mmCIF file of all heavy atoms, coordinates in Angstrom:
data_MODEL
# 
_entry.id   MODEL 
# 
loop_
_atom_site.group_PDB 
_atom_site.id 
_atom_site.type_symbol 
_atom_site.label_atom_id 
_atom_site.label_alt_id 
_atom_site.label_comp_id 
_atom_site.label_asym_id 
_atom_site.label_entity_id 
_atom_site.label_seq_id 
_atom_site.pdbx_PDB_ins_code 
_atom_site.Cartn_x 
_atom_site.Cartn_y 
_atom_site.Cartn_z 
_atom_site.occupancy 
_atom_site.B_iso_or_equiv 
_atom_site.pdbx_formal_charge 
_atom_site.auth_seq_id 
_atom_site.auth_comp_id 
_atom_site.auth_asym_id 
_atom_site.auth_atom_id 
_atom_site.pdbx_PDB_model_num 
ATOM 1   N N   . TYR A 1 1  ? -2.994  13.855 -2.972 1.00 0.00 ? 1  TYR A N   1 
ATOM 2   C CA  . TYR A 1 1  ? -3.349  12.889 -1.910 1.00 0.00 ? 1  TYR A CA  1 
ATOM 3   C C   . TYR A 1 1  ? -4.206  13.399 -0.795 1.00 0.00 ? 1  TYR A C   1 
ATOM 4   O O   . TYR A 1 1  ? -4.906  12.713 -0.206 1.00 0.00 ? 1  TYR A O   1 
ATOM 5   C CB  . TYR A 1 1  ? -1.997  12.334 -1.303 1.00 0.00 ? 1  TYR A CB  1 
ATOM 6   C CG  . TYR A 1 1  ? -1.187  13.245 -0.583 1.00 0.00 ? 1  TYR A CG  1 
ATOM 7   C CD1 . TYR A 1 1  ? -1.449  13.686 0.675  1.00 0.00 ? 1  TYR A CD1 1 
ATOM 8   C CD2 . TYR A 1 1  ? 0.065   13.687 -1.167 1.00 0.00 ? 1  TYR A CD2 1 
ATOM 9   C CE1 . TYR A 1 1  ? -0.583  14.583 1.346  1.00 0.00 ? 1  TYR A CE1 1 
ATOM 10  C CE2 . TYR A 1 1  ? 0.916   14.521 -0.529 1.00 0.00 ? 1  TYR A CE2 1 
ATOM 11  C CZ  . TYR A 1 1  ? 0.593   14.982 0.781  1.00 0.00 ? 1  TYR A CZ  1 
ATOM 12  O OH  . TYR A 1 1  ? 1.417   15.767 1.396  1.00 0.00 ? 1  TYR A OH  1 
ATOM 13  N N   . ASP A 1 2  ? -4.190  14.694 -0.559 1.00 0.00 ? 2  ASP A N   1 
ATOM 14  C CA  . ASP A 1 2  ? -4.938  15.290 0.535  1.00 0.00 ? 2  ASP A CA  1 
ATOM 15  C C   . ASP A 1 2  ? -6.444  14.980 0.426  1.00 0.00 ? 2  ASP A C   1 
ATOM 16  O O   . ASP A 1 2  ? -7.191  14.792 1.341  1.00 0.00 ? 2  ASP A O   1 
ATOM 17  C CB  . ASP A 1 2  ? -4.794  16.738 0.714  1.00 0.00 ? 2  ASP A CB  1 
ATOM 18  C CG  . ASP A 1 2  ? -3.409  17.121 1.330  1.00 0.00 ? 2  ASP A CG  1 
ATOM 19  O OD1 . ASP A 1 2  ? -2.962  16.311 2.150  1.00 0.00 ? 2  ASP A OD1 1 
ATOM 20  O OD2 . ASP A 1 2  ? -2.858  18.200 0.975  1.00 0.00 ? 2  ASP A OD2 1 
ATOM 21  N N   . GLU A 1 3  ? -6.864  14.921 -0.913 1.00 0.00 ? 3  GLU A N   1 
ATOM 22  C CA  . GLU A 1 3  ? -8.333  14.714 -1.121 1.00 0.00 ? 3  GLU A CA  1 
ATOM 23  C C   . GLU A 1 3  ? -8.697  13.272 -1.143 1.00 0.00 ? 3  GLU A C   1 
ATOM 24  O O   . GLU A 1 3  ? -9.856  12.871 -1.111 1.00 0.00 ? 3  GLU A O   1 
ATOM 25  C CB  . GLU A 1 3  ? -8.689  15.340 -2.421 1.00 0.00 ? 3  GLU A CB  1 
ATOM 26  C CG  . GLU A 1 3  ? -8.515  16.890 -2.463 1.00 0.00 ? 3  GLU A CG  1 
ATOM 27  C CD  . GLU A 1 3  ? -8.852  17.465 -3.795 1.00 0.00 ? 3  GLU A CD  1 
ATOM 28  O OE1 . GLU A 1 3  ? -9.237  16.656 -4.712 1.00 0.00 ? 3  GLU A OE1 1 
ATOM 29  O OE2 . GLU A 1 3  ? -8.724  18.699 -3.985 1.00 0.00 ? 3  GLU A OE2 1 
ATOM 30  N N   . LYS A 1 4  ? -7.678  12.410 -1.187 1.00 0.00 ? 4  LYS A N   1 
ATOM 31  C CA  . LYS A 1 4  ? -7.910  10.949 -1.429 1.00 0.00 ? 4  LYS A CA  1 
ATOM 32  C C   . LYS A 1 4  ? -7.625  10.037 -0.248 1.00 0.00 ? 4  LYS A C   1 
ATOM 33  O O   . LYS A 1 4  ? -7.999  8.907  -0.273 1.00 0.00 ? 4  LYS A O   1 
ATOM 34  C CB  . LYS A 1 4  ? -7.154  10.542 -2.680 1.00 0.00 ? 4  LYS A CB  1 
ATOM 35  C CG  . LYS A 1 4  ? -7.463  11.208 -3.897 1.00 0.00 ? 4  LYS A CG  1 
ATOM 36  C CD  . LYS A 1 4  ? -6.701  10.719 -5.094 1.00 0.00 ? 4  LYS A CD  1 
ATOM 37  C CE  . LYS A 1 4  ? -7.017  11.414 -6.401 1.00 0.00 ? 4  LYS A CE  1 
ATOM 38  N NZ  . LYS A 1 4  ? -6.163  10.959 -7.529 1.00 0.00 ? 4  LYS A NZ  1 
ATOM 39  N N   . LEU A 1 5  ? -6.917  10.565 0.772  1.00 0.00 ? 5  LEU A N   1 
ATOM 40  C CA  . LEU A 1 5  ? -6.490  9.749  1.861  1.00 0.00 ? 5  LEU A CA  1 
ATOM 41  C C   . LEU A 1 5  ? -7.277  10.086 3.089  1.00 0.00 ? 5  LEU A C   1 
ATOM 42  O O   . LEU A 1 5  ? -7.595  11.247 3.374  1.00 0.00 ? 5  LEU A O   1 
ATOM 43  C CB  . LEU A 1 5  ? -4.998  9.963  2.144  1.00 0.00 ? 5  LEU A CB  1 
ATOM 44  C CG  . LEU A 1 5  ? -4.023  9.475  1.109  1.00 0.00 ? 5  LEU A CG  1 
ATOM 45  C CD1 . LEU A 1 5  ? -2.620  9.822  1.558  1.00 0.00 ? 5  LEU A CD1 1 
ATOM 46  C CD2 . LEU A 1 5  ? -4.087  7.941  0.975  1.00 0.00 ? 5  LEU A CD2 1 
ATOM 47  N N   . ASP A 1 6  ? -7.562  9.088  3.852  1.00 0.00 ? 6  ASP A N   1 
ATOM 48  C CA  . ASP A 1 6  ? -8.098  9.237  5.264  1.00 0.00 ? 6  ASP A CA  1 
ATOM 49  C C   . ASP A 1 6  ? -6.873  9.062  6.189  1.00 0.00 ? 6  ASP A C   1 
ATOM 50  O O   . ASP A 1 6  ? -6.251  8.017  6.156  1.00 0.00 ? 6  ASP A O   1 
ATOM 51  C CB  . ASP A 1 6  ? -9.219  8.240  5.569  1.00 0.00 ? 6  ASP A CB  1 
ATOM 52  C CG  . ASP A 1 6  ? -10.410 8.477  4.756  1.00 0.00 ? 6  ASP A CG  1 
ATOM 53  O OD1 . ASP A 1 6  ? -10.711 9.633  4.569  1.00 0.00 ? 6  ASP A OD1 1 
ATOM 54  O OD2 . ASP A 1 6  ? -11.079 7.453  4.342  1.00 0.00 ? 6  ASP A OD2 1 
ATOM 55  N N   . GLY A 1 7  ? -6.654  10.055 7.032  1.00 0.00 ? 7  GLY A N   1 
ATOM 56  C CA  . GLY A 1 7  ? -5.521  9.955  7.935  1.00 0.00 ? 7  GLY A CA  1 
ATOM 57  C C   . GLY A 1 7  ? -4.371  10.729 7.386  1.00 0.00 ? 7  GLY A C   1 
ATOM 58  O O   . GLY A 1 7  ? -4.338  11.053 6.207  1.00 0.00 ? 7  GLY A O   1 
ATOM 59  N N   . PRO A 1 8  ? -3.397  11.139 8.230  1.00 0.00 ? 8  PRO A N   1 
ATOM 60  C CA  . PRO A 1 8  ? -2.295  11.979 7.789  1.00 0.00 ? 8  PRO A CA  1 
ATOM 61  C C   . PRO A 1 8  ? -1.371  11.195 6.743  1.00 0.00 ? 8  PRO A C   1 
ATOM 62  O O   . PRO A 1 8  ? -1.155  10.062 6.854  1.00 0.00 ? 8  PRO A O   1 
ATOM 63  C CB  . PRO A 1 8  ? -1.530  12.201 9.114  1.00 0.00 ? 8  PRO A CB  1 
ATOM 64  C CG  . PRO A 1 8  ? -1.906  11.099 9.974  1.00 0.00 ? 8  PRO A CG  1 
ATOM 65  C CD  . PRO A 1 8  ? -3.340  10.735 9.588  1.00 0.00 ? 8  PRO A CD  1 
ATOM 66  N N   . ALA A 1 9  ? -0.933  11.948 5.831  1.00 0.00 ? 9  ALA A N   1 
ATOM 67  C CA  . ALA A 1 9  ? -0.097  11.425 4.733  1.00 0.00 ? 9  ALA A CA  1 
ATOM 68  C C   . ALA A 1 9  ? 1.227   10.856 5.165  1.00 0.00 ? 9  ALA A C   1 
ATOM 69  O O   . ALA A 1 9  ? 1.723   9.895  4.540  1.00 0.00 ? 9  ALA A O   1 
ATOM 70  C CB  . ALA A 1 9  ? 0.128   12.531 3.663  1.00 0.00 ? 9  ALA A CB  1 
ATOM 71  N N   . TRP A 1 10 ? 1.723   11.310 6.328  1.00 0.00 ? 10 TRP A N   1 
ATOM 72  C CA  . TRP A 1 10 ? 3.076   10.855 6.741  1.00 0.00 ? 10 TRP A CA  1 
ATOM 73  C C   . TRP A 1 10 ? 3.018   9.341  7.130  1.00 0.00 ? 10 TRP A C   1 
ATOM 74  O O   . TRP A 1 10 ? 4.005   8.655  6.913  1.00 0.00 ? 10 TRP A O   1 
ATOM 75  C CB  . TRP A 1 10 ? 3.554   11.691 7.866  1.00 0.00 ? 10 TRP A CB  1 
ATOM 76  C CG  . TRP A 1 10 ? 2.845   11.659 9.162  1.00 0.00 ? 10 TRP A CG  1 
ATOM 77  C CD1 . TRP A 1 10 ? 1.859   12.592 9.537  1.00 0.00 ? 10 TRP A CD1 1 
ATOM 78  C CD2 . TRP A 1 10 ? 2.886   10.663 10.220 1.00 0.00 ? 10 TRP A CD2 1 
ATOM 79  N NE1 . TRP A 1 10 ? 1.338   12.258 10.789 1.00 0.00 ? 10 TRP A NE1 1 
ATOM 80  C CE2 . TRP A 1 10 ? 1.970   11.088 11.206 1.00 0.00 ? 10 TRP A CE2 1 
ATOM 81  C CE3 . TRP A 1 10 ? 3.635   9.566  10.491 1.00 0.00 ? 10 TRP A CE3 1 
ATOM 82  C CZ2 . TRP A 1 10 ? 1.772   10.391 12.421 1.00 0.00 ? 10 TRP A CZ2 1 
ATOM 83  C CZ3 . TRP A 1 10 ? 3.497   8.836  11.629 1.00 0.00 ? 10 TRP A CZ3 1 
ATOM 84  C CH2 . TRP A 1 10 ? 2.588   9.251  12.578 1.00 0.00 ? 10 TRP A CH2 1 
ATOM 85  N N   . ILE A 1 11 ? 1.871   8.845  7.521  1.00 0.00 ? 11 ILE A N   1 
ATOM 86  C CA  . ILE A 1 11 ? 1.785   7.455  7.844  1.00 0.00 ? 11 ILE A CA  1 
ATOM 87  C C   . ILE A 1 11 ? 1.997   6.682  6.522  1.00 0.00 ? 11 ILE A C   1 
ATOM 88  O O   . ILE A 1 11 ? 2.761   5.683  6.573  1.00 0.00 ? 11 ILE A O   1 
ATOM 89  C CB  . ILE A 1 11 ? 0.315   7.114  8.337  1.00 0.00 ? 11 ILE A CB  1 
ATOM 90  C CG1 . ILE A 1 11 ? 0.210   7.625  9.795  1.00 0.00 ? 11 ILE A CG1 1 
ATOM 91  C CG2 . ILE A 1 11 ? 0.046   5.634  8.280  1.00 0.00 ? 11 ILE A CG2 1 
ATOM 92  C CD1 . ILE A 1 11 ? 1.075   6.856  10.756 1.00 0.00 ? 11 ILE A CD1 1 
ATOM 93  N N   . TYR A 1 12 ? 1.451   7.094  5.447  1.00 0.00 ? 12 TYR A N   1 
ATOM 94  C CA  . TYR A 1 12 ? 1.633   6.312  4.213  1.00 0.00 ? 12 TYR A CA  1 
ATOM 95  C C   . TYR A 1 12 ? 3.004   6.603  3.623  1.00 0.00 ? 12 TYR A C   1 
ATOM 96  O O   . TYR A 1 12 ? 3.643   5.762  3.005  1.00 0.00 ? 12 TYR A O   1 
ATOM 97  C CB  . TYR A 1 12 ? 0.527   6.746  3.187  1.00 0.00 ? 12 TYR A CB  1 
ATOM 98  C CG  . TYR A 1 12 ? -0.838  6.495  3.718  1.00 0.00 ? 12 TYR A CG  1 
ATOM 99  C CD1 . TYR A 1 12 ? -1.607  7.463  4.421  1.00 0.00 ? 12 TYR A CD1 1 
ATOM 100 C CD2 . TYR A 1 12 ? -1.423  5.191  3.657  1.00 0.00 ? 12 TYR A CD2 1 
ATOM 101 C CE1 . TYR A 1 12 ? -2.824  7.245  4.938  1.00 0.00 ? 12 TYR A CE1 1 
ATOM 102 C CE2 . TYR A 1 12 ? -2.716  4.948  4.139  1.00 0.00 ? 12 TYR A CE2 1 
ATOM 103 C CZ  . TYR A 1 12 ? -3.445  5.962  4.831  1.00 0.00 ? 12 TYR A CZ  1 
ATOM 104 O OH  . TYR A 1 12 ? -4.610  5.701  5.292  1.00 0.00 ? 12 TYR A OH  1 
ATOM 105 N N   . LEU A 1 13 ? 3.537   7.822  3.795  1.00 0.00 ? 13 LEU A N   1 
ATOM 106 C CA  . LEU A 1 13 ? 4.831   8.110  3.297  1.00 0.00 ? 13 LEU A CA  1 
ATOM 107 C C   . LEU A 1 13 ? 5.880   7.273  3.992  1.00 0.00 ? 13 LEU A C   1 
ATOM 108 O O   . LEU A 1 13 ? 6.811   6.769  3.321  1.00 0.00 ? 13 LEU A O   1 
ATOM 109 C CB  . LEU A 1 13 ? 5.182   9.620  3.452  1.00 0.00 ? 13 LEU A CB  1 
ATOM 110 C CG  . LEU A 1 13 ? 4.563   10.567 2.480  1.00 0.00 ? 13 LEU A CG  1 
ATOM 111 C CD1 . LEU A 1 13 ? 4.720   11.995 2.919  1.00 0.00 ? 13 LEU A CD1 1 
ATOM 112 C CD2 . LEU A 1 13 ? 5.235   10.451 1.083  1.00 0.00 ? 13 LEU A CD2 1 
ATOM 113 N N   . GLN A 1 14 ? 5.841   7.140  5.237  1.00 0.00 ? 14 GLN A N   1 
ATOM 114 C CA  . GLN A 1 14 ? 6.746   6.297  6.037  1.00 0.00 ? 14 GLN A CA  1 
ATOM 115 C C   . GLN A 1 14 ? 6.678   4.902  5.548  1.00 0.00 ? 14 GLN A C   1 
ATOM 116 O O   . GLN A 1 14 ? 7.660   4.143  5.577  1.00 0.00 ? 14 GLN A O   1 
ATOM 117 C CB  . GLN A 1 14 ? 6.570   6.456  7.513  1.00 0.00 ? 14 GLN A CB  1 
ATOM 118 C CG  . GLN A 1 14 ? 6.996   7.792  8.075  1.00 0.00 ? 14 GLN A CG  1 
ATOM 119 C CD  . GLN A 1 14 ? 6.992   7.823  9.617  1.00 0.00 ? 14 GLN A CD  1 
ATOM 120 O OE1 . GLN A 1 14 ? 6.494   6.819  10.190 1.00 0.00 ? 14 GLN A OE1 1 
ATOM 121 N NE2 . GLN A 1 14 ? 7.499   8.838  10.142 1.00 0.00 ? 14 GLN A NE2 1 
ATOM 122 N N   . SER A 1 15 ? 5.513   4.428  5.227  1.00 0.00 ? 15 SER A N   1 
ATOM 123 C CA  . SER A 1 15 ? 5.327   3.036  4.769  1.00 0.00 ? 15 SER A CA  1 
ATOM 124 C C   . SER A 1 15 ? 5.871   2.785  3.429  1.00 0.00 ? 15 SER A C   1 
ATOM 125 O O   . SER A 1 15 ? 6.167   1.664  3.094  1.00 0.00 ? 15 SER A O   1 
ATOM 126 C CB  . SER A 1 15 ? 3.824   2.727  4.783  1.00 0.00 ? 15 SER A CB  1 
ATOM 127 O OG  . SER A 1 15 ? 3.196   2.957  6.029  1.00 0.00 ? 15 SER A OG  1 
ATOM 128 N N   . LEU A 1 16 ? 6.176   3.820  2.616  1.00 0.00 ? 16 LEU A N   1 
ATOM 129 C CA  . LEU A 1 16 ? 6.594   3.705  1.329  1.00 0.00 ? 16 LEU A CA  1 
ATOM 130 C C   . LEU A 1 16 ? 8.153   3.865  1.124  1.00 0.00 ? 16 LEU A C   1 
ATOM 131 O O   . LEU A 1 16 ? 8.718   3.617  0.129  1.00 0.00 ? 16 LEU A O   1 
ATOM 132 C CB  . LEU A 1 16 ? 5.945   4.739  0.378  1.00 0.00 ? 16 LEU A CB  1 
ATOM 133 C CG  . LEU A 1 16 ? 4.484   4.438  0.051  1.00 0.00 ? 16 LEU A CG  1 
ATOM 134 C CD1 . LEU A 1 16 ? 3.828   5.665  -0.546 1.00 0.00 ? 16 LEU A CD1 1 
ATOM 135 C CD2 . LEU A 1 16 ? 4.377   3.283  -0.902 1.00 0.00 ? 16 LEU A CD2 1 
ATOM 136 N N   . ARG A 1 17 ? 8.739   4.425  2.236  1.00 0.00 ? 17 ARG A N   1 
ATOM 137 C CA  . ARG A 1 17 ? 10.111  4.875  2.129  1.00 0.00 ? 17 ARG A CA  1 
ATOM 138 C C   . ARG A 1 17 ? 11.076  3.642  2.107  1.00 0.00 ? 17 ARG A C   1 
ATOM 139 O O   . ARG A 1 17 ? 11.107  2.809  3.098  1.00 0.00 ? 17 ARG A O   1 
ATOM 140 C CB  . ARG A 1 17 ? 10.472  5.765  3.256  1.00 0.00 ? 17 ARG A CB  1 
ATOM 141 C CG  . ARG A 1 17 ? 11.820  6.462  3.145  1.00 0.00 ? 17 ARG A CG  1 
ATOM 142 C CD  . ARG A 1 17 ? 11.980  7.413  4.320  1.00 0.00 ? 17 ARG A CD  1 
ATOM 143 N NE  . ARG A 1 17 ? 10.909  8.464  4.318  1.00 0.00 ? 17 ARG A NE  1 
ATOM 144 C CZ  . ARG A 1 17 ? 10.663  9.221  5.393  1.00 0.00 ? 17 ARG A CZ  1 
ATOM 145 N NH1 . ARG A 1 17 ? 11.256  8.963  6.521  1.00 0.00 ? 17 ARG A NH1 1 
ATOM 146 N NH2 . ARG A 1 17 ? 9.708   10.124 5.273  1.00 0.00 ? 17 ARG A NH2 1 
ATOM 147 N N   . ASN A 1 18 ? 11.905  3.526  1.131  1.00 0.00 ? 18 ASN A N   1 
ATOM 148 C CA  . ASN A 1 18 ? 12.976  2.508  1.143  1.00 0.00 ? 18 ASN A CA  1 
ATOM 149 C C   . ASN A 1 18 ? 13.930  2.764  2.290  1.00 0.00 ? 18 ASN A C   1 
ATOM 150 O O   . ASN A 1 18 ? 14.388  3.865  2.533  1.00 0.00 ? 18 ASN A O   1 
ATOM 151 C CB  . ASN A 1 18 ? 13.767  2.512  -0.193 1.00 0.00 ? 18 ASN A CB  1 
ATOM 152 C CG  . ASN A 1 18 ? 13.104  1.669  -1.225 1.00 0.00 ? 18 ASN A CG  1 
ATOM 153 O OD1 . ASN A 1 18 ? 13.544  0.567  -1.520 1.00 0.00 ? 18 ASN A OD1 1 
ATOM 154 N ND2 . ASN A 1 18 ? 12.017  2.138  -1.835 1.00 0.00 ? 18 ASN A ND2 1 
ATOM 155 N N   . GLN A 1 19 ? 14.271  1.684  3.006  1.00 0.00 ? 19 GLN A N   1 
ATOM 156 C CA  . GLN A 1 19 ? 15.113  1.812  4.165  1.00 0.00 ? 19 GLN A CA  1 
ATOM 157 C C   . GLN A 1 19 ? 16.486  2.264  3.780  1.00 0.00 ? 19 GLN A C   1 
ATOM 158 O O   . GLN A 1 19 ? 17.157  2.989  4.491  1.00 0.00 ? 19 GLN A O   1 
ATOM 159 C CB  . GLN A 1 19 ? 15.203  0.457  4.927  1.00 0.00 ? 19 GLN A CB  1 
ATOM 160 C CG  . GLN A 1 19 ? 13.776  0.073  5.436  1.00 0.00 ? 19 GLN A CG  1 
ATOM 161 C CD  . GLN A 1 19 ? 13.688  -1.417 5.736  1.00 0.00 ? 19 GLN A CD  1 
ATOM 162 O OE1 . GLN A 1 19 ? 13.809  -1.873 6.943  1.00 0.00 ? 19 GLN A OE1 1 
ATOM 163 N NE2 . GLN A 1 19 ? 13.490  -2.249 4.770  1.00 0.00 ? 19 GLN A NE2 1 
ATOM 164 N N   . ILE A 1 20 ? 17.026  1.776  2.688  1.00 0.00 ? 20 ILE A N   1 
ATOM 165 C CA  . ILE A 1 20 ? 18.347  2.073  2.235  1.00 0.00 ? 20 ILE A CA  1 
ATOM 166 C C   . ILE A 1 20 ? 18.601  3.564  2.078  1.00 0.00 ? 20 ILE A C   1 
ATOM 167 O O   . ILE A 1 20 ? 19.676  4.122  2.306  1.00 0.00 ? 20 ILE A O   1 
ATOM 168 C CB  . ILE A 1 20 ? 18.714  1.378  0.939  1.00 0.00 ? 20 ILE A CB  1 
ATOM 169 C CG1 . ILE A 1 20 ? 20.228  1.422  0.652  1.00 0.00 ? 20 ILE A CG1 1 
ATOM 170 C CG2 . ILE A 1 20 ? 17.945  1.870  -0.214 1.00 0.00 ? 20 ILE A CG2 1 
ATOM 171 C CD1 . ILE A 1 20 ? 20.698  0.509  -0.463 1.00 0.00 ? 20 ILE A CD1 1 
ATOM 172 N N   . SER A 1 21 ? 17.522  4.303  1.728  1.00 0.00 ? 21 SER A N   1 
ATOM 173 C CA  . SER A 1 21 ? 17.661  5.790  1.487  1.00 0.00 ? 21 SER A CA  1 
ATOM 174 C C   . SER A 1 21 ? 17.949  6.463  2.829  1.00 0.00 ? 21 SER A C   1 
ATOM 175 O O   . SER A 1 21 ? 18.553  7.562  2.816  1.00 0.00 ? 21 SER A O   1 
ATOM 176 C CB  . SER A 1 21 ? 16.397  6.299  0.850  1.00 0.00 ? 21 SER A CB  1 
ATOM 177 O OG  . SER A 1 21 ? 15.295  6.226  1.740  1.00 0.00 ? 21 SER A OG  1 
ATOM 178 N N   . ARG A 1 22 ? 17.508  5.974  3.901  1.00 0.00 ? 22 ARG A N   1 
ATOM 179 C CA  . ARG A 1 22 ? 17.664  6.629  5.213  1.00 0.00 ? 22 ARG A CA  1 
ATOM 180 C C   . ARG A 1 22 ? 18.970  6.392  5.891  1.00 0.00 ? 22 ARG A C   1 
ATOM 181 O O   . ARG A 1 22 ? 19.320  6.920  6.847  1.00 0.00 ? 22 ARG A O   1 
ATOM 182 C CB  . ARG A 1 22 ? 16.512  6.261  6.156  1.00 0.00 ? 22 ARG A CB  1 
ATOM 183 C CG  . ARG A 1 22 ? 15.162  6.714  5.565  1.00 0.00 ? 22 ARG A CG  1 
ATOM 184 C CD  . ARG A 1 22 ? 14.002  6.267  6.427  1.00 0.00 ? 22 ARG A CD  1 
ATOM 185 N NE  . ARG A 1 22 ? 14.130  6.905  7.758  1.00 0.00 ? 22 ARG A NE  1 
ATOM 186 C CZ  . ARG A 1 22 ? 13.432  6.453  8.824  1.00 0.00 ? 22 ARG A CZ  1 
ATOM 187 N NH1 . ARG A 1 22 ? 12.605  5.434  8.706  1.00 0.00 ? 22 ARG A NH1 1 
ATOM 188 N NH2 . ARG A 1 22 ? 13.596  7.063  9.977  1.00 0.00 ? 22 ARG A NH2 1 
ATOM 189 N N   . ILE A 1 23 ? 19.710  5.330  5.345  1.00 0.00 ? 23 ILE A N   1 
ATOM 190 C CA  . ILE A 1 23 ? 21.058  5.040  5.928  1.00 0.00 ? 23 ILE A CA  1 
ATOM 191 C C   . ILE A 1 23 ? 22.172  5.273  4.957  1.00 0.00 ? 23 ILE A C   1 
ATOM 192 O O   . ILE A 1 23 ? 23.260  4.897  5.134  1.00 0.00 ? 23 ILE A O   1 
ATOM 193 C CB  . ILE A 1 23 ? 21.066  3.551  6.412  1.00 0.00 ? 23 ILE A CB  1 
ATOM 194 C CG1 . ILE A 1 23 ? 20.849  2.582  5.245  1.00 0.00 ? 23 ILE A CG1 1 
ATOM 195 C CG2 . ILE A 1 23 ? 20.129  3.365  7.532  1.00 0.00 ? 23 ILE A CG2 1 
ATOM 196 C CD1 . ILE A 1 23 ? 21.002  1.120  5.655  1.00 0.00 ? 23 ILE A CD1 1 
ATOM 197 N N   . SER A 1 24 ? 21.808  6.075  3.915  1.00 0.00 ? 24 SER A N   1 
ATOM 198 C CA  . SER A 1 24 ? 22.725  6.425  2.849  1.00 0.00 ? 24 SER A CA  1 
ATOM 199 C C   . SER A 1 24 ? 22.891  7.906  2.733  1.00 0.00 ? 24 SER A C   1 
ATOM 200 O O   . SER A 1 24 ? 21.962  8.663  3.078  1.00 0.00 ? 24 SER A O   1 
ATOM 201 C CB  . SER A 1 24 ? 22.272  5.842  1.491  1.00 0.00 ? 24 SER A CB  1 
ATOM 202 O OG  . SER A 1 24 ? 22.251  4.497  1.506  1.00 0.00 ? 24 SER A OG  1 
# 
């Protein structure tokens, strides 16, 4: 992804994370 994304990857990672995983 480093070669394919503009902007830091964490922005996209946070956008992809299921909410249930963070409260479980």
